[in-house]
PDB file of N, CA and C in Angstrom:
ATOM      1  N   LEU A   1      35.044 -67.464-236.647  1.00  0.00           N
ATOM      2  CA  LEU A   1      34.657 -68.639-237.246  1.00  0.00           C
ATOM      3  C   LEU A   1      33.290 -68.799-237.750  1.00  0.00           C
ATOM      4  N   CYS A   2      32.740 -68.349-238.929  1.00  0.00           N
ATOM      5  CA  CYS A   2      31.465 -68.384-239.135  1.00  0.00           C
ATOM      6  C   CYS A   2      30.848 -69.375-239.968  1.00  0.00           C
ATOM      7  N   ALA A   3      29.280 -69.967-240.048  1.00  0.00           N
ATOM      8  CA  ALA A   3      29.142 -70.592-240.944  1.00  0.00           C
ATOM      9  C   ALA A   3      27.571 -70.413-241.291  1.00  0.00           C
ATOM     10  N   SER A   4      26.966 -70.356-242.422  1.00  0.00           N
ATOM     11  CA  SER A   4      25.867 -69.701-242.598  1.00  0.00           C
ATOM     12  C   SER A   4      25.172 -70.470-243.862  1.00  0.00           C
ATOM     13  N   ASN A   5      24.077 -71.359-243.975  1.00  0.00           N
ATOM     14  CA  ASN A   5      22.871 -72.014-244.971  1.00  0.00           C
ATOM     15  C   ASN A   5      22.731 -70.819-245.775  1.00  0.00           C
ATOM     16  N   LEU A   6      22.376 -69.340-245.446  1.00  0.00           N
ATOM     17  CA  LEU A   6      22.285 -68.633-246.048  1.00  0.00           C
ATOM     18  C   LEU A   6      23.172 -67.193-245.897  1.00  0.00           C
ATOM     19  N   PRO A   7      24.163 -67.483-246.832  1.00  0.00           N
ATOM     20  CA  PRO A   7      25.145 -66.054-246.804  1.00  0.00           C
ATOM     21  C   PRO A   7      24.561 -65.106-247.029  1.00  0.00           C
ATOM     22  N   TRP A   8      23.986 -64.940-248.168  1.00  0.00           N
ATOM     23  CA  TRP A   8      23.650 -63.380-248.814  1.00  0.00           C
ATOM     24  C   TRP A   8      21.762 -62.277-247.622  1.00  0.00           C
ATOM     25  N   ASP A   9      21.944 -63.106-246.528  1.00  0.00           N
ATOM     26  CA  ASP A   9      21.138 -62.716-245.572  1.00  0.00           C
ATOM     27  C   ASP A   9      21.516 -62.173-244.530  1.00  0.00           C
ATOM     28  N   LEU A  10      23.027 -62.268-244.217  1.00  0.00           N
ATOM     29  CA  LEU A  10      24.338 -61.840-243.455  1.00  0.00           C
ATOM     30  C   LEU A  10      24.499 -59.943-243.300  1.00  0.00           C
ATOM     31  N   ASP A  11      24.355 -59.555-242.006  1.00  0.00           N
ATOM     32  CA  ASP A  11      24.587 -58.161-241.761  1.00  0.00           C
ATOM     33  C   ASP A  11      25.741 -57.326-242.450  1.00  0.00           C
ATOM     34  N   SER A  12      25.524 -56.561-243.386  1.00  0.00           N
ATOM     35  CA  SER A  12      26.719 -56.248-243.727  1.00  0.00           C
ATOM     36  C   SER A  12      28.145 -55.840-242.883  1.00  0.00           C
ATOM     37  N   ALA A  13      27.448 -55.240-241.607  1.00  0.00           N
ATOM     38  CA  ALA A  13      28.498 -55.276-240.514  1.00  0.00           C
ATOM     39  C   ALA A  13      29.795 -56.431-240.414  1.00  0.00           C
ATOM     40  N   LEU A  14      28.710 -57.640-240.347  1.00  0.00           N
ATOM     41  CA  LEU A  14      29.401 -58.857-239.607  1.00  0.00           C
ATOM     42  C   LEU A  14      30.571 -59.051-240.916  1.00  0.00           C
ATOM     43  N   LEU A  15      29.707 -59.139-242.393  1.00  0.00           N
ATOM     44  CA  LEU A  15      30.453 -59.787-243.222  1.00  0.00           C
ATOM     45  C   LEU A  15      32.332 -58.925-243.420  1.00  0.00           C
ATOM     46  N   ARG A  16      32.138 -57.597-243.133  1.00  0.00           N
ATOM     47  CA  ARG A  16      33.429 -56.476-242.943  1.00  0.00           C
ATOM     48  C   ARG A  16      34.257 -57.132-241.655  1.00  0.00           C
ATOM     49  N   ARG A  17      33.724 -58.179-240.949  1.00  0.00           N
ATOM     50  CA  ARG A  17      34.723 -58.304-239.751  1.00  0.00           C
ATOM     51  C   ARG A  17      35.308 -59.730-240.234  1.00  0.00           C
ATOM     52  N   LEU A  18      34.530 -60.275-241.357  1.00  0.00           N
ATOM     53  CA  LEU A  18      35.070 -61.628-241.757  1.00  0.00           C
ATOM     54  C   LEU A  18      36.170 -61.869-242.567  1.00  0.00           C
ATOM     55  N   GLU A  19      37.388 -61.974-242.265  1.00  0.00           N
ATOM     56  CA  GLU A  19      38.393 -62.107-243.622  1.00  0.00           C
ATOM     57  C   GLU A  19      37.853 -63.035-244.395  1.00  0.00           C
ATOM     58  N   LYS A  20      37.788 -64.277-244.427  1.00  0.00           N
ATOM     59  CA  LYS A  20      37.770 -64.942-245.644  1.00  0.00           C
ATOM     60  C   LYS A  20      36.575 -65.211-245.697  1.00  0.00           C
ATOM     61  N   ARG A  21      35.846 -65.809-247.490  1.00  0.00           N
ATOM     62  CA  ARG A  21      34.782 -66.217-247.312  1.00  0.00           C
ATOM     63  C   ARG A  21      35.076 -67.729-248.269  1.00  0.00           C
ATOM     64  N   ILE A  22      34.358 -68.537-247.584  1.00  0.00           N
ATOM     65  CA  ILE A  22      34.467 -69.930-248.546  1.00  0.00           C
ATOM     66  C   ILE A  22      33.220 -70.466-249.196  1.00  0.00           C
ATOM     67  N   PHE A  23      32.970 -70.369-250.224  1.00  0.00           N
ATOM     68  CA  PHE A  23      31.762 -71.098-250.144  1.00  0.00           C
ATOM     69  C   PHE A  23      31.541 -72.721-251.110  1.00  0.00           C
ATOM     70  N   VAL A  24      30.799 -73.386-250.336  1.00  0.00           N
ATOM     71  CA  VAL A  24      31.138 -74.618-250.338  1.00  0.00           C
ATOM     72  C   VAL A  24      29.727 -74.808-250.872  1.00  0.00           C
ATOM     73  N   PRO A  25      29.531 -75.695-251.653  1.00  0.00           N
ATOM     74  CA  PRO A  25      27.946 -75.993-252.576  1.00  0.00           C
ATOM     75  C   PRO A  25      27.542 -76.823-251.675  1.00  0.00           C
ATOM     76  N   LEU A  26      26.042 -77.028-252.770  1.00  0.00           N
ATOM     77  CA  LEU A  26      25.309 -78.202-251.632  1.00  0.00           C
ATOM     78  C   LEU A  26      25.506 -79.224-252.373  1.00  0.00           C
ATOM     79  N   PRO A  27      25.518 -80.594-251.777  1.00  0.00           N
ATOM     80  CA  PRO A  27      25.999 -81.593-252.141  1.00  0.00           C
ATOM     81  C   PRO A  27      25.445 -82.169-253.554  1.00  0.00           C
ATOM     82  N   GLY A  28      26.272 -83.083-254.790  1.00  0.00           N
ATOM     83  CA  GLY A  28      25.395 -83.437-255.959  1.00  0.00           C
ATOM     84  C   GLY A  28      24.807 -84.547-255.581  1.00  0.00           C
ATOM     85  N   PRO A  29      24.311 -85.301-256.507  1.00  0.00           N
ATOM     86  CA  PRO A  29      23.184 -86.530-256.521  1.00  0.00           C
ATOM     87  C   PRO A  29      23.900 -87.671-255.998  1.00  0.00           C
ATOM     88  N   GLU A  30      25.468 -87.815-256.131  1.00  0.00           N
ATOM     89  CA  GLU A  30      26.644 -88.951-255.829  1.00  0.00           C
ATOM     90  C   GLU A  30      26.838 -88.777-254.420  1.00  0.00           C
ATOM     91  N   ALA A  31      27.078 -87.392-253.975  1.00  0.00           N
ATOM     92  CA  ALA A  31      27.074 -86.982-252.867  1.00  0.00           C
ATOM     93  C   ALA A  31      25.881 -87.148-251.436  1.00  0.00           C
ATOM     94  N   ARG A  32      25.016 -86.801-251.837  1.00  0.00           N
ATOM     95  CA  ARG A  32      23.466 -87.282-251.604  1.00  0.00           C
ATOM     96  C   ARG A  32      23.402 -88.654-251.415  1.00  0.00           C
ATOM     97  N   LYS A  33      23.854 -89.360-252.321  1.00  0.00           N
ATOM     98  CA  LYS A  33      23.747 -90.819-252.339  1.00  0.00           C
ATOM     99  C   LYS A  33      24.793 -91.600-251.432  1.00  0.00           C
ATOM    100  N   ALA A  34      25.753 -91.129-251.275  1.00  0.00           N
ATOM    101  CA  ALA A  34      26.994 -91.622-250.463  1.00  0.00           C
ATOM    102  C   ALA A  34      26.319 -91.140-249.269  1.00  0.00           C
ATOM    103  N   ILE A  35      25.567 -89.857-248.211  1.00  0.00           N
ATOM    104  CA  ILE A  35      25.389 -89.744-246.978  1.00  0.00           C
ATOM    105  C   ILE A  35      24.034 -90.811-246.732  1.00  0.00           C
ATOM    106  N   VAL A  36      23.348 -90.875-247.533  1.00  0.00           N
ATOM    107  CA  VAL A  36      22.140 -91.716-247.282  1.00  0.00           C
ATOM    108  C   VAL A  36      22.760 -92.937-247.078  1.00  0.00           C
ATOM    109  N   MET A  37      23.622 -93.774-248.113  1.00  0.00           N
ATOM    110  CA  MET A  37      23.961 -95.163-247.377  1.00  0.00           C
ATOM    111  C   MET A  37      25.089 -94.925-246.467  1.00  0.00           C
ATOM    112  N   LYS A  38      25.540 -94.169-245.990  1.00  0.00           N
ATOM    113  CA  LYS A  38      26.354 -93.619-244.534  1.00  0.00           C
ATOM    114  C   LYS A  38      25.514 -93.756-243.180  1.00  0.00           C
ATOM    115  N   HIS A  39      24.241 -93.192-243.594  1.00  0.00           N
ATOM    116  CA  HIS A  39      23.269 -93.523-242.526  1.00  0.00           C
ATOM    117  C   HIS A  39      22.255 -94.521-242.386  1.00  0.00           C
ATOM    118  N   LEU A  40      21.768 -94.711-243.667  1.00  0.00           N
ATOM    119  CA  LEU A  40      20.647 -95.834-243.634  1.00  0.00           C
ATOM    120  C   LEU A  40      21.104 -96.888-244.456  1.00  0.00           C
ATOM    121  N   THR A  41      22.238 -97.886-243.878  1.00  0.00           N
ATOM    122  CA  THR A  41      22.772 -98.852-244.415  1.00  0.00           C
ATOM    123  C   THR A  41      21.974 -99.994-245.000  1.00  0.00           C
ATOM    124  N   GLU A  42      21.973-100.865-245.665  1.00  0.00           N
ATOM    125  CA  GLU A  42      21.050-101.813-246.638  1.00  0.00           C
ATOM    126  C   GLU A  42      20.371-102.807-245.072  1.00  0.00           C
ATOM    127  N   ASP A  43      20.879-103.335-243.985  1.00  0.00           N
ATOM    128  CA  ASP A  43      20.082-103.951-243.225  1.00  0.00           C
ATOM    129  C   ASP A  43      19.243-103.092-242.516  1.00  0.00           C
ATOM    130  N   ARG A  44      19.328-101.781-242.148  1.00  0.00           N
ATOM    131  CA  ARG A  44      18.452-100.456-241.691  1.00  0.00           C
ATOM    132  C   ARG A  44      17.217-100.520-242.756  1.00  0.00           C
ATOM    133  N   ALA A  45      17.498-100.131-244.181  1.00  0.00           N
ATOM    134  CA  ALA A  45      16.552 -99.882-245.250  1.00  0.00           C
ATOM    135  C   ALA A  45      16.681-100.415-246.096  1.00  0.00           C
ATOM    136  N   PRO A  46      15.982-101.886-246.098  1.00  0.00           N
ATOM    137  CA  PRO A  46      16.798-102.942-247.349  1.00  0.00           C
ATOM    138  C   PRO A  46      15.427-102.661-248.632  1.00  0.00           C
ATOM    139  N   GLY A  47      16.451-102.381-249.499  1.00  0.00           N
ATOM    140  CA  GLY A  47      15.405-101.663-251.137  1.00  0.00           C
ATOM    141  C   GLY A  47      15.133-100.823-251.430  1.00  0.00           C
ATOM    142  N   LEU A  48      16.166 -99.809-250.594  1.00  0.00           N
ATOM    143  CA  LEU A  48      15.832 -98.152-250.846  1.00  0.00           C
ATOM    144  C   LEU A  48      16.571 -97.784-252.072  1.00  0.00           C
ATOM    145  N   ASP A  49      15.780 -97.487-252.793  1.00  0.00           N
ATOM    146  CA  ASP A  49      16.084 -96.892-253.919  1.00  0.00           C
ATOM    147  C   ASP A  49      16.708 -95.336-254.067  1.00  0.00           C
ATOM    148  N   LEU A  50      18.002 -95.884-253.918  1.00  0.00           N
ATOM    149  CA  LEU A  50      18.772 -94.339-253.665  1.00  0.00           C
ATOM    150  C   LEU A  50      19.146 -93.611-254.417  1.00  0.00           C
ATOM    151  N   ASP A  51      19.099 -94.113-255.864  1.00  0.00           N
ATOM    152  CA  ASP A  51      18.898 -93.253-257.335  1.00  0.00           C
ATOM    153  C   ASP A  51      17.562 -91.826-256.909  1.00  0.00           C
ATOM    154  N   SER A  52      16.705 -92.576-256.909  1.00  0.00           N
ATOM    155  CA  SER A  52      15.361 -91.694-256.946  1.00  0.00           C
ATOM    156  C   SER A  52      15.191 -90.991-255.557  1.00  0.00           C
ATOM    157  N   LEU A  53      15.486 -91.109-254.861  1.00  0.00           N
ATOM    158  CA  LEU A  53      16.101 -90.408-253.369  1.00  0.00           C
ATOM    159  C   LEU A  53      16.776 -89.601-253.329  1.00  0.00           C
ATOM    160  N   GLY A  54      18.116 -89.657-253.699  1.00  0.00           N
ATOM    161  CA  GLY A  54      18.968 -88.749-254.352  1.00  0.00           C
ATOM    162  C   GLY A  54      18.654 -87.569-255.041  1.00  0.00           C
ATOM    163  N   ALA A  55      17.825 -87.946-256.202  1.00  0.00           N
ATOM    164  CA  ALA A  55      17.089 -87.059-257.565  1.00  0.00           C
ATOM    165  C   ALA A  55      15.872 -85.616-256.485  1.00  0.00           C
ATOM    166  N   LYS A  56      15.337 -86.955-255.401  1.00  0.00           N
ATOM    167  CA  LYS A  56      14.219 -86.016-254.845  1.00  0.00           C
ATOM    168  C   LYS A  56      14.693 -85.355-253.929  1.00  0.00           C
ATOM    169  N   MET A  57      15.808 -85.204-253.315  1.00  0.00           N
ATOM    170  CA  MET A  57      16.531 -84.135-252.469  1.00  0.00           C
ATOM    171  C   MET A  57      17.655 -83.152-253.204  1.00  0.00           C
ATOM    172  N   GLU A  58      16.970 -82.865-254.321  1.00  0.00           N
ATOM    173  CA  GLU A  58      17.467 -81.517-255.050  1.00  0.00           C
ATOM    174  C   GLU A  58      17.645 -80.566-254.104  1.00  0.00           C
ATOM    175  N   GLY A  59      18.537 -79.776-253.757  1.00  0.00           N
ATOM    176  CA  GLY A  59      18.708 -78.806-253.142  1.00  0.00           C
ATOM    177  C   GLY A  59      18.404 -78.759-251.173  1.00  0.00           C
ATOM    178  N   PHE A  60      18.980 -79.904-251.200  1.00  0.00           N
ATOM    179  CA  PHE A  60      19.058 -80.213-249.871  1.00  0.00           C
ATOM    180  C   PHE A  60      20.471 -79.787-249.189  1.00  0.00           C
ATOM    181  N   SER A  61      20.653 -79.707-248.400  1.00  0.00           N
ATOM    182  CA  SER A  61      21.959 -79.602-247.770  1.00  0.00           C
ATOM    183  C   SER A  61      22.606 -80.851-246.798  1.00  0.00           C
ATOM    184  N   GLY A  62      23.757 -80.909-246.676  1.00  0.00           N
ATOM    185  CA  GLY A  62      24.114 -82.297-246.268  1.00  0.00           C
ATOM    186  C   GLY A  62      23.791 -82.324-245.007  1.00  0.00           C
ATOM    187  N   SER A  63      23.532 -81.385-244.208  1.00  0.00           N
ATOM    188  CA  SER A  63      22.676 -81.505-242.670  1.00  0.00           C
ATOM    189  C   SER A  63      21.596 -81.575-242.793  1.00  0.00           C
ATOM    190  N   ASP A  64      20.795 -81.401-243.861  1.00  0.00           N
ATOM    191  CA  ASP A  64      19.416 -81.614-244.326  1.00  0.00           C
ATOM    192  C   ASP A  64      19.348 -83.348-244.863  1.00  0.00           C
ATOM    193  N   VAL A  65      20.008 -83.671-245.393  1.00  0.00           N
ATOM    194  CA  VAL A  65      20.107 -85.277-245.846  1.00  0.00           C
ATOM    195  C   VAL A  65      20.481 -86.306-244.616  1.00  0.00           C
ATOM    196  N   VAL A  66      21.439 -85.596-243.504  1.00  0.00           N
ATOM    197  CA  VAL A  66      21.425 -86.355-242.332  1.00  0.00           C
ATOM    198  C   VAL A  66      20.060 -86.077-241.562  1.00  0.00           C
ATOM    199  N   LEU A  67      19.687 -84.919-241.293  1.00  0.00           N
ATOM    200  CA  LEU A  67      18.330 -85.194-240.794  1.00  0.00           C
ATOM    201  C   LEU A  67      17.058 -86.061-241.220  1.00  0.00           C
ATOM    202  N   LEU A  68      17.378 -86.184-242.413  1.00  0.00           N
ATOM    203  CA  LEU A  68      15.983 -86.613-243.176  1.00  0.00           C
ATOM    204  C   LEU A  68      16.479 -88.492-242.583  1.00  0.00           C
ATOM    205  N   CYS A  69      18.097 -88.396-242.837  1.00  0.00           N
ATOM    206  CA  CYS A  69      18.112 -89.992-242.732  1.00  0.00           C
ATOM    207  C   CYS A  69      17.557 -90.326-241.037  1.00  0.00           C
ATOM    208  N   LYS A  70      18.053 -89.446-240.013  1.00  0.00           N
ATOM    209  CA  LYS A  70      17.607 -89.631-238.879  1.00  0.00           C
ATOM    210  C   LYS A  70      16.310 -89.756-238.522  1.00  0.00           C
ATOM    211  N   GLU A  71      15.590 -88.897-239.217  1.00  0.00           N
ATOM    212  CA  GLU A  71      13.944 -89.059-239.032  1.00  0.00           C
ATOM    213  C   GLU A  71      13.340 -90.251-239.564  1.00  0.00           C
ATOM    214  N   ALA A  72      13.738 -90.655-240.458  1.00  0.00           N
ATOM    215  CA  ALA A  72      13.416 -92.007-241.399  1.00  0.00           C
ATOM    216  C   ALA A  72      13.812 -93.344-240.153  1.00  0.00           C
ATOM    217  N   ALA A  73      15.058 -93.342-239.792  1.00  0.00           N
ATOM    218  CA  ALA A  73      15.179 -94.176-238.999  1.00  0.00           C
ATOM    219  C   ALA A  73      14.328 -94.403-237.784  1.00  0.00           C
ATOM    220  N   MET A  74      13.951 -93.194-237.693  1.00  0.00           N
ATOM    221  CA  MET A  74      13.377 -93.087-236.163  1.00  0.00           C
ATOM    222  C   MET A  74      11.417 -93.499-236.602  1.00  0.00           C
ATOM    223  N   ARG A  75      11.390 -93.366-237.785  1.00  0.00           N
ATOM    224  CA  ARG A  75       9.992 -93.970-237.778  1.00  0.00           C
ATOM    225  C   ARG A  75       9.708 -95.255-237.486  1.00  0.00           C
ATOM    226  N   PRO A  76      10.194 -96.491-237.477  1.00  0.00           N
ATOM    227  CA  PRO A  76       9.814 -97.529-237.111  1.00  0.00           C
ATOM    228  C   PRO A  76       9.595 -97.630-235.567  1.00  0.00           C
ATOM    229  N   LEU A  77      10.505 -96.945-234.630  1.00  0.00           N
ATOM    230  CA  LEU A  77      10.203 -96.606-233.319  1.00  0.00           C
ATOM    231  C   LEU A  77       9.524 -95.918-233.055  1.00  0.00           C
ATOM    232  N   ARG A  78       9.086 -94.862-233.725  1.00  0.00           N
ATOM    233  CA  ARG A  78       7.838 -94.331-233.183  1.00  0.00           C
ATOM    234  C   ARG A  78       6.390 -94.884-233.359  1.00  0.00           C
ATOM    235  N   ARG A  79       6.019 -96.026-234.210  1.00  0.00           N
ATOM    236  CA  ARG A  79       5.079 -96.843-234.898  1.00  0.00           C
ATOM    237  C   ARG A  79       5.253 -97.733-233.679  1.00  0.00           C
ATOM    238  N   ILE A  80       6.353 -98.269-233.049  1.00  0.00           N
ATOM    239  CA  ILE A  80       6.231 -99.238-231.826  1.00  0.00           C
ATOM    240  C   ILE A  80       5.714 -98.721-230.625  1.00  0.00           C
ATOM    241  N   MET A  81       6.414 -97.219-230.484  1.00  0.00           N
ATOM    242  CA  MET A  81       5.952 -96.702-229.180  1.00  0.00           C
ATOM    243  C   MET A  81       4.468 -96.550-228.760  1.00  0.00           C
ATOM    244  N   LYS A  82       3.924 -96.177-230.272  1.00  0.00           N
ATOM    245  CA  LYS A  82       2.687 -95.503-230.089  1.00  0.00           C
ATOM    246  C   LYS A  82       1.602 -96.680-230.048  1.00  0.00           C
ATOM    247  N   GLN A  83       2.197 -98.144-230.914  1.00  0.00           N
ATOM    248  CA  GLN A  83       1.074 -99.086-230.244  1.00  0.00           C
ATOM    249  C   GLN A  83       1.467 -99.651-229.056  1.00  0.00           C
ATOM    250  N   LEU A  84       2.410 -99.543-228.535  1.00  0.00           N
ATOM    251  CA  LEU A  84       2.745 -99.628-227.184  1.00  0.00           C
ATOM    252  C   LEU A  84       1.841 -98.875-225.987  1.00  0.00           C
ATOM    253  N   GLU A  85       1.748 -97.504-226.269  1.00  0.00           N
ATOM    254  CA  GLU A  85       1.219 -96.767-225.320  1.00  0.00           C
ATOM    255  C   GLU A  85      -0.346 -96.764-225.324  1.00  0.00           C
ATOM    256  N   SER A  86      -0.598 -97.312-226.940  1.00  0.00           N
ATOM    257  CA  SER A  86      -2.492 -97.300-226.773  1.00  0.00           C
ATOM    258  C   SER A  86      -2.415 -99.327-226.414  1.00  0.00           C
ATOM    259  N   GLY A  87      -1.922 -99.983-226.349  1.00  0.00           N
ATOM    260  CA  GLY A  87      -2.026-101.156-225.665  1.00  0.00           C
ATOM    261  C   GLY A  87      -2.159-102.262-226.738  1.00  0.00           C
ATOM    262  N   GLU A  88      -1.921-102.163-227.916  1.00  0.00           N
ATOM    263  CA  GLU A  88      -2.079-102.669-229.580  1.00  0.00           C
ATOM    264  C   GLU A  88      -0.890-103.715-228.914  1.00  0.00           C
ATOM    265  N   LEU A  89       0.159-103.679-228.381  1.00  0.00           N
ATOM    266  CA  LEU A  89       1.488-104.637-228.299  1.00  0.00           C
ATOM    267  C   LEU A  89       1.811-105.013-226.926  1.00  0.00           C
ATOM    268  N   SER A  90       1.799-105.782-226.416  1.00  0.00           N
ATOM    269  CA  SER A  90       2.577-106.440-225.235  1.00  0.00           C
ATOM    270  C   SER A  90       4.434-105.861-225.442  1.00  0.00           C
ATOM    271  N   GLY A  91       5.005-105.636-224.495  1.00  0.00           N
ATOM    272  CA  GLY A  91       6.466-105.108-224.239  1.00  0.00           C
ATOM    273  C   GLY A  91       7.046-106.693-224.472  1.00  0.00           C
ATOM    274  N   GLU A  92       6.796-107.823-224.618  1.00  0.00           N
ATOM    275  CA  GLU A  92       7.341-109.025-224.817  1.00  0.00           C
ATOM    276  C   GLU A  92       8.188-109.235-226.239  1.00  0.00           C
ATOM    277  N   ARG A  93       7.697-109.102-226.901  1.00  0.00           N
ATOM    278  CA  ARG A  93       7.986-109.730-227.984  1.00  0.00           C
ATOM    279  C   ARG A  93       8.107-108.542-229.240  1.00  0.00           C
ATOM    280  N   VAL A  94       8.420-107.181-229.037  1.00  0.00           N
ATOM    281  CA  VAL A  94       8.767-106.337-230.062  1.00  0.00           C
ATOM    282  C   VAL A  94       9.912-106.512-230.928  1.00  0.00           C
ATOM    283  N   ARG A  95       9.418-106.000-232.182  1.00  0.00           N
ATOM    284  CA  ARG A  95      10.817-105.974-232.985  1.00  0.00           C
ATOM    285  C   ARG A  95      10.500-104.954-234.244  1.00  0.00           C
ATOM    286  N   LEU A  96      11.673-104.097-234.211  1.00  0.00           N
ATOM    287  CA  LEU A  96      11.611-102.801-234.954  1.00  0.00           C
ATOM    288  C   LEU A  96      11.556-103.420-236.602  1.00  0.00           C
ATOM    289  N   GLY A  97      10.747-102.965-237.296  1.00  0.00           N
ATOM    290  CA  GLY A  97      10.746-103.249-238.804  1.00  0.00           C
ATOM    291  C   GLY A  97      11.736-102.660-239.609  1.00  0.00           C
ATOM    292  N   PRO A  98      11.616-102.722-240.766  1.00  0.00           N
ATOM    293  CA  PRO A  98      12.662-101.385-241.661  1.00  0.00           C
ATOM    294  C   PRO A  98      12.170-100.469-242.025  1.00  0.00           C
ATOM    295  N   VAL A  99      13.584 -99.607-242.457  1.00  0.00           N
ATOM    296  CA  VAL A  99      12.823 -98.190-242.579  1.00  0.00           C
ATOM    297  C   VAL A  99      12.056 -98.171-244.017  1.00  0.00           C
ATOM    298  N   THR A 100      11.019 -97.557-244.038  1.00  0.00           N
ATOM    299  CA  THR A 100      10.653 -97.753-245.615  1.00  0.00           C
ATOM    300  C   THR A 100      10.189 -96.148-245.853  1.00  0.00           C
ATOM    301  N   THR A 101       9.827 -95.765-247.195  1.00  0.00           N
ATOM    302  CA  THR A 101       9.934 -94.683-247.826  1.00  0.00           C
ATOM    303  C   THR A 101       8.263 -94.155-248.184  1.00  0.00           C
TER     304      THR A 101
END
């Protein structure tokens, strides 16, 4: 079993040993939108324009979209951690904000 995002870069010796090849195309705009909706729910990212975001991710694989969502979800936490480390906030009343683009 083998998977690659760059099948044209695989060694010919390896390709000879693989019996079947299945091409899985990149997700279309609706699929990218569905992936974002699954990982960035309305309570995490209110007011997110999914149509424009899906268009901007043209050429992204499904795992690229998931990674983008995870990184976006971590931004509020990183912002708070930076403020806590610098002493701008005390740990008493820390509240995460929404994910923003």
